[in-house]
Amino acid sequence: MRSGHAFKYFQALLLGILIGLLCVRAGTAKAQDSSAVQPANGLDRIIAAGIVRIAVPNDLAPFGSADAKGKLEGYDIDVARLLAEDLGVKLDLIPVISVNRIPFLMGGNVDLVIANLGVSPERAKAIAFSAPYAPFFSGVFGSPNVNVKSPADLQGKKIAVTRNTLEDRELSRLVPKGAEIMRLEDSNATMLAFLSGQADLIVTGNSVAAVMAKKDPEKKVENKFTLRESPASIGVRQGDPELLRWVNAFIYYRKLSGDFDQLSRKWFGEPLRPLPPF
């Protein structure tokens, strides 16, 4: 083989090898890029996964609690089922109590929180909130023989409240010196402290007070005064506007359809109260 032909031969061979290596590299990169592609937002991720993980209460009837067989039931449980139905995905209910609702959402343990979650500026630093989907107000409740009409009357009283809730923070702000606050870890413990006589009063929501009245009619639980209106919203992780917009559309649709009114009648025994815009 002449030297000129040999050079051209090896030149062509080298060029072929380089082209082959480039093709292999491009194919590998394309495969890697394809496998690494993930949905851009939370809404698409939930739909792609085919399941939505929702934190719901298991200690706060009638919003959410376990029945005799351990099955979760309540207003929030039914709302979660409607939401999964509208998304067209399976539902994974994650039981929570007041203190771990937001940490579960921020830590990625759940996609949404439907657990009687009230809005506050402090909480809004950590998570985003939907429009309200359920009415709720917090108040001081007790028996008729306990004479309380205002925060000043709490002096000398022992008051049960669930730790790290909006009720706890509001009570701490208003309570006078000489009042004793019993902070319990969950709603069941708070109710038990009051119903068993360990506390003179209980600070909780109107729906919880209604449940207590049914459990112990002799107590004749009544609202002494209202601390604040605190309708419940759905919690969404910050930085996920697409999912938040969809959740708000879901709430708007289900309110107009009358589904939330039916759930209110079913679990609270009254029509759905007007909900403020958010």
Foldseek 3Di string as FASTA:
>chain_A
DDPVVVVVVVVVVVVVVVVVVVVVVVVVVVVVVVVPDDDPFDLVNCLVVQEFEEEEEQFFPQRWHADPVGDIHHLLVVLQVLVSVVSRGHYHYDYDFDVCQLVCQQVVVGAKYSYQAFDDPVVCVFWDWAFFQAWKFKFKKFAPVQDAQALVSQAQFEEEEEPPHPQVVLNVVRHDPRHHYDYDPGDNVRLCCRVVPVGRIYIDMPLRQVVSCVVPVVGVMDGNDTSGITGGTMIGGPPRVVVSVVRNVSSVVCVVVCVSQVSCCVGVVHGGDDGDTD
